[in-house]
């Protein structure tokens, strides 16, 4: 099976992504597939500080409850409120409507993340 790995994102080994252009964070196509149907997402609040590598929230599916890890350190500037009513967006469009939050971050943190090529190698 082939998974979508957008070239404009950077990735954590734990399957979270960040799009440096807009600071959006989410979980990868591979991760949503592994989880199965997402039924609940718990996220930090707008204005909260997050730390790279630290848990920032939880995603619950019909199969499991999994921690979400921050790909970078920074300040949460927006949360995808649509997920409260429609958590299945994470499954349907993980890099689009299913984004989790936006963060103001230090570009240096990107050096610790996987390139799209390295991430693809990890999941294939």
C-alpha atoms as a PDB file:
ATOM      1  CA  UNK A   1       0.000   0.000   0.000  1.00  0.00           C
ATOM      2  CA  UNK A   2       1.263   3.451  -0.869  1.00  0.00           C
ATOM      3  CA  UNK A   3       0.727   6.348   1.534  1.00  0.00           C
ATOM      4  CA  UNK A   4       0.607  10.051   0.804  1.00  0.00           C
ATOM      5  CA  UNK A   5       3.791  11.822   1.994  1.00  0.00           C
ATOM      6  CA  UNK A   6       3.580  15.492   0.952  1.00  0.00           C
ATOM      7  CA  UNK A   7       6.921  17.004   0.017  1.00  0.00           C
ATOM      8  CA  UNK A   8       6.129  20.319   1.766  1.00  0.00           C
ATOM      9  CA  UNK A   9       6.047  18.702   5.234  1.00  0.00           C
ATOM     10  CA  UNK A  10       8.630  17.424   7.717  1.00  0.00           C
ATOM     11  CA  UNK A  11       7.953  14.361   9.860  1.00  0.00           C
ATOM     12  CA  UNK A  12       8.583  12.832  13.292  1.00  0.00           C
ATOM     13  CA  UNK A  13       9.367   9.136  13.521  1.00  0.00           C
ATOM     14  CA  UNK A  14       6.142   8.915  15.574  1.00  0.00           C
ATOM     15  CA  UNK A  15       4.160   9.989  12.443  1.00  0.00           C
ATOM     16  CA  UNK A  16       3.292  13.624  13.195  1.00  0.00           C
ATOM     17  CA  UNK A  17       3.973  16.190  10.482  1.00  0.00           C
ATOM     18  CA  UNK A  18       4.478  19.939  10.297  1.00  0.00           C
ATOM     19  CA  UNK A  19       4.118  22.109   7.209  1.00  0.00           C
ATOM     20  CA  UNK A  20       6.781  24.818   7.704  1.00  0.00           C
ATOM     21  CA  UNK A  21       5.008  27.289   5.384  1.00  0.00           C
ATOM     22  CA  UNK A  22       1.979  27.689   7.676  1.00  0.00           C
ATOM     23  CA  UNK A  23       2.979  25.940  10.924  1.00  0.00           C
ATOM     24  CA  UNK A  24       0.162  23.414  10.621  1.00  0.00           C
ATOM     25  CA  UNK A  25       0.613  20.116  12.467  1.00  0.00           C
ATOM     26  CA  UNK A  26      -1.180  16.803  11.960  1.00  0.00           C
ATOM     27  CA  UNK A  27      -0.730  13.056  11.789  1.00  0.00           C
ATOM     28  CA  UNK A  28       0.393  11.287   8.648  1.00  0.00           C
ATOM     29  CA  UNK A  29      -1.665   9.268   6.214  1.00  0.00           C
ATOM     30  CA  UNK A  30       0.201   6.176   7.466  1.00  0.00           C
ATOM     31  CA  UNK A  31      -0.678   6.971  11.101  1.00  0.00           C
ATOM     32  CA  UNK A  32      -4.384   7.525  10.439  1.00  0.00           C
ATOM     33  CA  UNK A  33      -4.491   4.236   8.514  1.00  0.00           C
ATOM     34  CA  UNK A  34      -2.823   2.367  11.399  1.00  0.00           C
ATOM     35  CA  UNK A  35      -5.207   3.914  13.939  1.00  0.00           C
ATOM     36  CA  UNK A  36      -8.398   3.116  12.082  1.00  0.00           C
ATOM     37  CA  UNK A  37     -11.519   5.232  12.525  1.00  0.00           C
ATOM     38  CA  UNK A  38     -10.711   8.274  14.677  1.00  0.00           C
ATOM     39  CA  UNK A  39     -13.512   9.012  17.158  1.00  0.00           C
ATOM     40  CA  UNK A  40     -11.999  11.700  19.417  1.00  0.00           C
ATOM     41  CA  UNK A  41      -9.087  14.165  19.395  1.00  0.00           C
ATOM     42  CA  UNK A  42      -7.808  16.023  22.473  1.00  0.00           C
ATOM     43  CA  UNK A  43      -5.612  19.026  21.688  1.00  0.00           C
ATOM     44  CA  UNK A  44      -3.932  21.857  23.592  1.00  0.00           C
ATOM     45  CA  UNK A  45      -5.590  25.264  23.718  1.00  0.00           C
ATOM     46  CA  UNK A  46      -4.742  28.294  21.612  1.00  0.00           C
ATOM     47  CA  UNK A  47      -1.839  30.044  23.358  1.00  0.00           C
ATOM     48  CA  UNK A  48      -0.429  26.891  25.013  1.00  0.00           C
ATOM     49  CA  UNK A  49       3.282  26.172  24.786  1.00  0.00           C
ATOM     50  CA  UNK A  50       4.380  22.836  23.320  1.00  0.00           C
ATOM     51  CA  UNK A  51       7.797  21.147  23.484  1.00  0.00           C
ATOM     52  CA  UNK A  52       9.348  19.150  20.638  1.00  0.00           C
ATOM     53  CA  UNK A  53       9.070  15.442  21.378  1.00  0.00           C
ATOM     54  CA  UNK A  54       6.634  15.931  24.269  1.00  0.00           C
ATOM     55  CA  UNK A  55       3.007  14.757  24.241  1.00  0.00           C
ATOM     56  CA  UNK A  56       0.675  17.543  23.106  1.00  0.00           C
ATOM     57  CA  UNK A  57      -2.601  15.657  23.022  1.00  0.00           C
ATOM     58  CA  UNK A  58      -4.368  12.378  22.345  1.00  0.00           C
ATOM     59  CA  UNK A  59      -6.096  10.777  19.386  1.00  0.00           C
ATOM     60  CA  UNK A  60      -8.615   8.041  20.116  1.00  0.00           C
ATOM     61  CA  UNK A  61      -9.738   5.535  17.506  1.00  0.00           C
ATOM     62  CA  UNK A  62     -11.876   2.424  17.551  1.00  0.00           C
ATOM     63  CA  UNK A  63      -8.610   0.451  17.914  1.00  0.00           C
ATOM     64  CA  UNK A  64      -6.494   2.456  20.372  1.00  0.00           C
ATOM     65  CA  UNK A  65      -5.745   5.647  22.261  1.00  0.00           C
ATOM     66  CA  UNK A  66      -2.462   7.214  21.134  1.00  0.00           C
ATOM     67  CA  UNK A  67      -0.454  10.183  22.344  1.00  0.00           C
ATOM     68  CA  UNK A  68       0.314  12.938  19.850  1.00  0.00           C
ATOM     69  CA  UNK A  69       3.853  14.325  19.989  1.00  0.00           C
ATOM     70  CA  UNK A  70       4.941  17.840  19.136  1.00  0.00           C
ATOM     71  CA  UNK A  71       7.186  17.937  16.060  1.00  0.00           C
ATOM     72  CA  UNK A  72       8.577  21.321  17.173  1.00  0.00           C
ATOM     73  CA  UNK A  73       8.588  23.598  20.214  1.00  0.00           C
ATOM     74  CA  UNK A  74       6.486  26.734  20.145  1.00  0.00           C
ATOM     75  CA  UNK A  75       3.192  28.444  20.857  1.00  0.00           C
ATOM     76  CA  UNK A  76      -0.132  27.091  19.617  1.00  0.00           C
ATOM     77  CA  UNK A  77      -1.725  29.820  17.461  1.00  0.00           C
ATOM     78  CA  UNK A  78      -4.806  27.908  16.277  1.00  0.00           C
ATOM     79  CA  UNK A  79      -6.633  24.641  16.922  1.00  0.00           C
ATOM     80  CA  UNK A  80      -8.802  22.852  14.371  1.00  0.00           C
ATOM     81  CA  UNK A  81     -12.154  23.227  16.132  1.00  0.00           C
ATOM     82  CA  UNK A  82     -13.883  21.201  13.394  1.00  0.00           C
ATOM     83  CA  UNK A  83     -12.361  18.026  14.878  1.00  0.00           C
ATOM     84  CA  UNK A  84     -14.566  18.299  17.985  1.00  0.00           C
ATOM     85  CA  UNK A  85     -17.642  17.580  15.854  1.00  0.00           C
ATOM     86  CA  UNK A  86     -15.940  15.671  13.018  1.00  0.00           C
ATOM     87  CA  UNK A  87     -12.872  13.743  14.244  1.00  0.00           C
ATOM     88  CA  UNK A  88     -13.134  11.535  11.149  1.00  0.00           C
ATOM     89  CA  UNK A  89     -11.555  14.420   9.163  1.00  0.00           C
ATOM     90  CA  UNK A  90      -8.219  13.085  10.454  1.00  0.00           C
ATOM     91  CA  UNK A  91      -8.893   9.887   8.475  1.00  0.00           C
ATOM     92  CA  UNK A  92     -10.479  11.505   5.451  1.00  0.00           C
ATOM     93  CA  UNK A  93      -7.954  14.299   4.823  1.00  0.00           C
ATOM     94  CA  UNK A  94      -4.938  14.076   7.183  1.00  0.00           C
ATOM     95  CA  UNK A  95      -2.942  16.822   5.394  1.00  0.00           C
ATOM     96  CA  UNK A  96      -5.910  19.082   4.651  1.00  0.00           C
ATOM     97  CA  UNK A  97      -9.160  19.427   6.615  1.00  0.00           C
ATOM     98  CA  UNK A  98      -7.867  16.956   9.246  1.00  0.00           C
ATOM     99  CA  UNK A  99      -5.003  19.174  10.478  1.00  0.00           C
ATOM    100  CA  UNK A 100      -4.710  19.384  14.278  1.00  0.00           C
ATOM    101  CA  UNK A 101      -3.214  22.741  15.200  1.00  0.00           C
ATOM    102  CA  UNK A 102      -1.001  25.595  14.059  1.00  0.00           C
ATOM    103  CA  UNK A 103       2.128  26.578  15.923  1.00  0.00           C
ATOM    104  CA  UNK A 104       4.577  29.483  15.904  1.00  0.00           C
ATOM    105  CA  UNK A 105       7.948  27.741  16.056  1.00  0.00           C
ATOM    106  CA  UNK A 106      11.711  28.028  15.724  1.00  0.00           C
ATOM    107  CA  UNK A 107      12.864  26.964  12.245  1.00  0.00           C
ATOM    108  CA  UNK A 108      15.920  25.288  13.833  1.00  0.00           C
ATOM    109  CA  UNK A 109      13.614  22.553  15.182  1.00  0.00           C
ATOM    110  CA  UNK A 110      13.048  21.385  11.600  1.00  0.00           C
ATOM    111  CA  UNK A 111      16.625  20.042  11.528  1.00  0.00           C
ATOM    112  CA  UNK A 112      15.557  17.288  13.961  1.00  0.00           C
ATOM    113  CA  UNK A 113      12.725  16.054  11.719  1.00  0.00           C
ATOM    114  CA  UNK A 114      12.650  13.580   8.854  1.00  0.00           C
ATOM    115  CA  UNK A 115      12.564  14.738   5.262  1.00  0.00           C
ATOM    116  CA  UNK A 116       9.710  13.353   3.144  1.00  0.00           C
ATOM    117  CA  UNK A 117      12.158  10.874   1.561  1.00  0.00           C
ATOM    118  CA  UNK A 118      13.447   9.661   4.939  1.00  0.00           C
ATOM    119  CA  UNK A 119       9.907   9.345   6.278  1.00  0.00           C
ATOM    120  CA  UNK A 120       8.787   7.381   3.210  1.00  0.00           C
ATOM    121  CA  UNK A 121      11.756   5.031   3.732  1.00  0.00           C
ATOM    122  CA  UNK A 122      10.649   4.509   7.354  1.00  0.00           C
ATOM    123  CA  UNK A 123       7.066   3.521   6.519  1.00  0.00           C
ATOM    124  CA  UNK A 124       7.706   1.395   3.415  1.00  0.00           C
END
